[in-house]
Amino acid sequence: MSDHVTPSAPLEDENDDKNDKEYNFVKDDNFYIHGLFDYSISRIIIPKLTKVIDDRKLLKKPKPIKFYIDSDGGYSSMVCILLSLIEQAKKEGIEIHTYVFARAYSCGSLLACSGTKGKRFIGEYAEHLCHLGSTSTGRVYNITEADRMSDRVKRHFDMVKRIYKKYAKITDLDKVIHDDNYFISGKDIIANGLADELI
């Protein structure tokens, strides 16, 4: 995962997400995040999610919203918008179900563990990648800018840790999260509070 500026994986140009349109999509009001967390999230997923929340909050017994995740990650700004909408849905009494059968890497991991407790499902071969991600420091021209950029990087890393502390219970989080290749698989996903049930 990366902040909005520098992706941790190669992303399409912001005006050319034609490849991920096939992977990040909505079908029968179920959300499929099978590509990168790039600008296709803001164009395809977020408008539909907002509408589904608005429609379901009017119902006495709203159906759950389901996310199927198989992603390598991407821009943290995209997952942060989704997490805000998910929290809004929960406040309206709408359950969020998450399903991971293969990869929930980086932003995908944050999204997967944000589902309603008891409704976060994983497959036998599922794997999470939990890490702090990366941020862009850009060009720094003086000491003041260097200090500001350092503060920005720290805020990004603190945000990632806050999200994991809110939704999961990763053992020794502050220590292990510094390993940028902290992969968790199988039943260890449940043991670390990232999911609830193996299916």
Protein backbone atom coordinates (compact mmCIF):
# COMPACT_ATOMS: atom_id res chain seq x y z
CA MET A 1 0.00 0.00 0.00
CA SER A 2 1.10 3.47 -0.58
CA ASP A 3 -0.12 6.93 0.09
CA HIS A 4 -1.89 8.67 -2.78
CA VAL A 5 1.30 9.77 -4.48
CA THR A 6 3.60 6.81 -4.96
CA PRO A 7 2.18 3.32 -5.53
CA SER A 8 3.91 0.27 -4.10
CA ALA A 9 2.97 -1.71 -7.18
CA PRO A 10 2.84 -0.57 -10.81
CA LEU A 11 -0.50 1.13 -11.37
CA GLU A 12 -2.17 2.21 -14.57
CA ASP A 13 -2.20 5.89 -15.39
CA GLU A 14 -5.00 7.61 -13.46
CA ASN A 15 -6.88 8.24 -16.73
CA ASP A 16 -6.42 4.70 -18.00
CA ASP A 17 -7.83 2.08 -15.68
CA LYS A 18 -9.25 -0.06 -18.50
CA ASN A 19 -7.37 -3.14 -17.28
CA ASP A 20 -8.70 -2.98 -13.73
CA LYS A 21 -12.27 -2.36 -14.90
CA GLU A 22 -12.37 -6.09 -15.52
CA TYR A 23 -11.17 -6.83 -12.00
CA ASN A 24 -12.76 -4.21 -9.73
CA PHE A 25 -16.47 -4.49 -10.39
CA VAL A 26 -19.94 -4.77 -8.90
CA LYS A 27 -22.35 -7.59 -9.72
CA ASP A 28 -25.76 -8.09 -8.08
CA ASP A 29 -24.74 -5.49 -5.47
CA ASN A 30 -21.71 -7.60 -4.48
CA PHE A 31 -18.33 -5.88 -4.63
CA TYR A 32 -15.35 -7.58 -6.24
CA ILE A 33 -11.93 -6.08 -5.55
CA HIS A 34 -9.78 -8.32 -7.72
CA GLY A 35 -7.48 -5.62 -9.04
CA LEU A 36 -5.40 -2.84 -7.58
CA PHE A 37 -6.72 -0.15 -5.28
CA ASP A 38 -6.33 2.48 -7.97
CA TYR A 39 -8.59 5.14 -9.47
CA SER A 40 -11.00 2.47 -10.71
CA ILE A 41 -12.07 2.15 -7.05
CA SER A 42 -13.22 5.78 -7.00
CA ARG A 43 -14.92 5.52 -10.39
CA ILE A 44 -16.51 2.07 -10.18
CA ILE A 45 -16.80 0.88 -6.58
CA ILE A 46 -17.37 3.98 -4.43
CA PRO A 47 -20.40 5.43 -6.28
CA LYS A 48 -22.18 2.06 -6.29
CA LEU A 49 -21.29 1.37 -2.62
CA THR A 50 -22.68 4.77 -1.63
CA LYS A 51 -25.94 4.01 -3.44
CA VAL A 52 -26.25 0.51 -1.94
CA ILE A 53 -25.75 1.92 1.57
CA ASP A 54 -28.33 4.66 0.97
CA ASP A 55 -30.85 2.13 -0.35
CA ARG A 56 -30.34 -0.49 2.36
CA LYS A 57 -30.35 1.84 5.33
CA LEU A 58 -34.04 2.50 4.61
CA LEU A 59 -34.92 -1.17 5.12
CA LYS A 60 -35.94 -2.73 8.44
CA LYS A 61 -33.73 -5.77 7.80
CA PRO A 62 -31.07 -4.72 5.32
CA LYS A 63 -29.19 -7.41 3.43
CA PRO A 64 -25.44 -7.54 4.12
CA ILE A 65 -22.96 -5.94 1.76
CA LYS A 66 -20.43 -8.47 0.49
CA PHE A 67 -16.84 -7.82 -0.57
CA TYR A 68 -14.85 -10.48 -2.42
CA ILE A 69 -11.18 -9.56 -2.21
CA ASP A 70 -8.22 -10.85 -4.21
CA SER A 71 -5.85 -7.92 -4.49
CA ASP A 72 -2.19 -6.96 -4.35
CA GLY A 73 -3.03 -3.57 -2.79
CA GLY A 74 -2.52 -0.06 -4.11
CA TYR A 75 -3.32 3.47 -2.98
CA SER A 76 -4.14 3.81 0.72
CA SER A 77 -6.39 6.80 -0.03
CA MET A 78 -8.75 4.44 -1.88
CA VAL A 79 -9.03 1.96 0.99
CA CYS A 80 -9.53 4.81 3.48
CA ILE A 81 -12.60 5.99 1.55
CA LEU A 82 -13.96 2.43 1.54
CA LEU A 83 -13.34 2.06 5.28
CA SER A 84 -15.23 5.30 5.97
CA LEU A 85 -18.20 4.06 3.93
CA ILE A 86 -18.06 0.67 5.66
CA GLU A 87 -18.23 2.36 9.07
CA GLN A 88 -21.19 4.42 7.85
CA ALA A 89 -22.95 1.21 6.72
CA LYS A 90 -22.32 -0.47 10.08
CA LYS A 91 -23.83 2.52 11.91
CA GLU A 92 -26.94 2.05 9.76
CA GLY A 93 -27.20 -1.58 10.87
CA ILE A 94 -25.84 -3.05 7.64
CA GLU A 95 -23.48 -6.00 8.03
CA ILE A 96 -20.31 -6.09 5.95
CA HIS A 97 -19.20 -9.56 4.90
CA THR A 98 -15.69 -10.02 3.55
CA TYR A 99 -14.37 -13.04 1.67
CA VAL A 100 -10.74 -13.82 0.87
CA PHE A 101 -9.91 -17.03 -0.96
CA ALA A 102 -6.45 -16.11 -2.21
CA ARG A 103 -4.73 -12.75 -1.61
CA ALA A 104 -5.52 -9.84 0.66
CA TYR A 105 -2.32 -7.90 0.37
CA SER A 106 -1.67 -4.45 1.76
CA CYS A 107 -4.85 -2.37 1.20
CA GLY A 108 -6.69 -5.63 0.54
CA SER A 109 -5.80 -6.80 4.03
CA LEU A 110 -7.11 -3.59 5.60
CA LEU A 111 -10.38 -3.93 3.70
CA ALA A 112 -10.77 -7.63 4.51
CA CYS A 113 -10.34 -7.23 8.26
CA SER A 114 -12.75 -4.26 8.40
CA GLY A 115 -15.83 -6.42 7.92
CA THR A 116 -18.41 -7.07 10.61
CA LYS A 117 -16.95 -9.27 13.37
CA GLY A 118 -18.08 -12.84 12.83
CA LYS A 119 -18.64 -12.22 9.11
CA ARG A 120 -15.05 -12.11 7.82
CA PHE A 121 -14.45 -15.30 5.89
CA ILE A 122 -11.29 -16.86 4.46
CA GLY A 123 -10.50 -19.84 2.30
CA GLU A 124 -8.06 -22.58 3.17
CA TYR A 125 -5.32 -21.08 1.00
CA ALA A 126 -5.94 -17.42 1.83
CA GLU A 127 -3.04 -15.14 2.67
CA HIS A 128 -2.74 -11.60 4.06
CA LEU A 129 0.19 -9.28 3.58
CA CYS A 130 0.32 -6.83 6.49
CA HIS A 131 2.78 -3.99 6.20
CA LEU A 132 3.17 -0.25 6.62
CA GLY A 133 3.40 0.35 2.90
CA SER A 134 5.29 3.27 1.46
CA THR A 135 4.91 7.00 1.11
CA SER A 136 6.38 9.50 -1.26
CA THR A 137 8.82 11.99 0.18
CA GLY A 138 9.07 13.85 -3.10
CA ARG A 139 11.70 16.51 -3.56
CA VAL A 140 12.82 18.18 -0.38
CA TYR A 141 14.47 21.57 -0.68
CA ASN A 142 15.11 22.59 2.91
CA ILE A 143 15.10 21.37 6.52
CA THR A 144 11.55 22.59 7.17
CA GLU A 145 10.23 20.56 4.24
CA ALA A 146 12.24 17.55 5.37
CA ASP A 147 10.62 17.77 8.83
CA ARG A 148 7.15 18.13 7.31
CA MET A 149 7.65 15.16 5.01
CA SER A 150 8.96 13.10 7.90
CA ASP A 151 5.80 13.96 9.87
CA ARG A 152 3.66 12.98 6.87
CA VAL A 153 5.37 9.59 6.55
CA LYS A 154 4.91 8.98 10.28
CA ARG A 155 1.19 9.88 10.03
CA HIS A 156 0.75 7.37 7.20
CA PHE A 157 2.47 4.57 9.14
CA ASP A 158 0.51 5.44 12.30
CA MET A 159 -2.74 5.34 10.30
CA VAL A 160 -2.00 1.80 9.07
CA LYS A 161 -1.24 0.63 12.62
CA ARG A 162 -4.42 2.31 13.90
CA ILE A 163 -6.53 0.46 11.33
CA TYR A 164 -5.02 -2.91 12.25
CA LYS A 165 -5.46 -2.19 15.97
CA LYS A 166 -9.11 -1.28 15.37
CA TYR A 167 -10.09 -4.32 13.31
CA ALA A 168 -7.56 -7.05 14.18
CA LYS A 169 -5.36 -8.26 17.02
CA ILE A 170 -2.04 -8.99 15.34
CA THR A 171 0.42 -10.35 17.87
CA ASP A 172 3.30 -7.91 18.49
CA LEU A 173 1.90 -5.55 15.83
CA ASP A 174 4.37 -2.71 16.43
CA LYS A 175 7.26 -5.13 16.05
CA VAL A 176 6.14 -7.33 13.15
CA ILE A 177 4.55 -4.58 11.06
CA HIS A 178 8.03 -3.24 10.32
CA ASP A 179 8.73 -6.37 8.32
CA ASP A 180 7.55 -5.29 4.88
CA ASN A 181 6.91 -8.90 3.91
CA TYR A 182 4.78 -10.00 6.87
CA PHE A 183 2.62 -12.68 5.27
CA ILE A 184 -0.03 -14.42 7.37
CA SER A 185 -1.80 -17.50 6.04
CA GLY A 186 -4.37 -20.14 6.93
CA LYS A 187 -5.57 -20.39 10.50
CA ASP A 188 -3.00 -17.79 11.58
CA ILE A 189 -5.22 -15.22 9.85
CA ILE A 190 -7.97 -16.05 12.33
CA ALA A 191 -5.54 -16.22 15.27
CA ASN A 192 -4.42 -12.66 14.45
CA GLY A 193 -7.99 -11.35 14.33
CA LEU A 194 -7.96 -10.63 10.60
CA ALA A 195 -10.86 -13.00 9.89
CA ASP A 196 -13.38 -15.07 11.81
CA GLU A 197 -14.19 -18.22 9.91
CA LEU A 198 -12.52 -20.62 7.51
CA ILE A 199 -14.84 -21.68 4.69
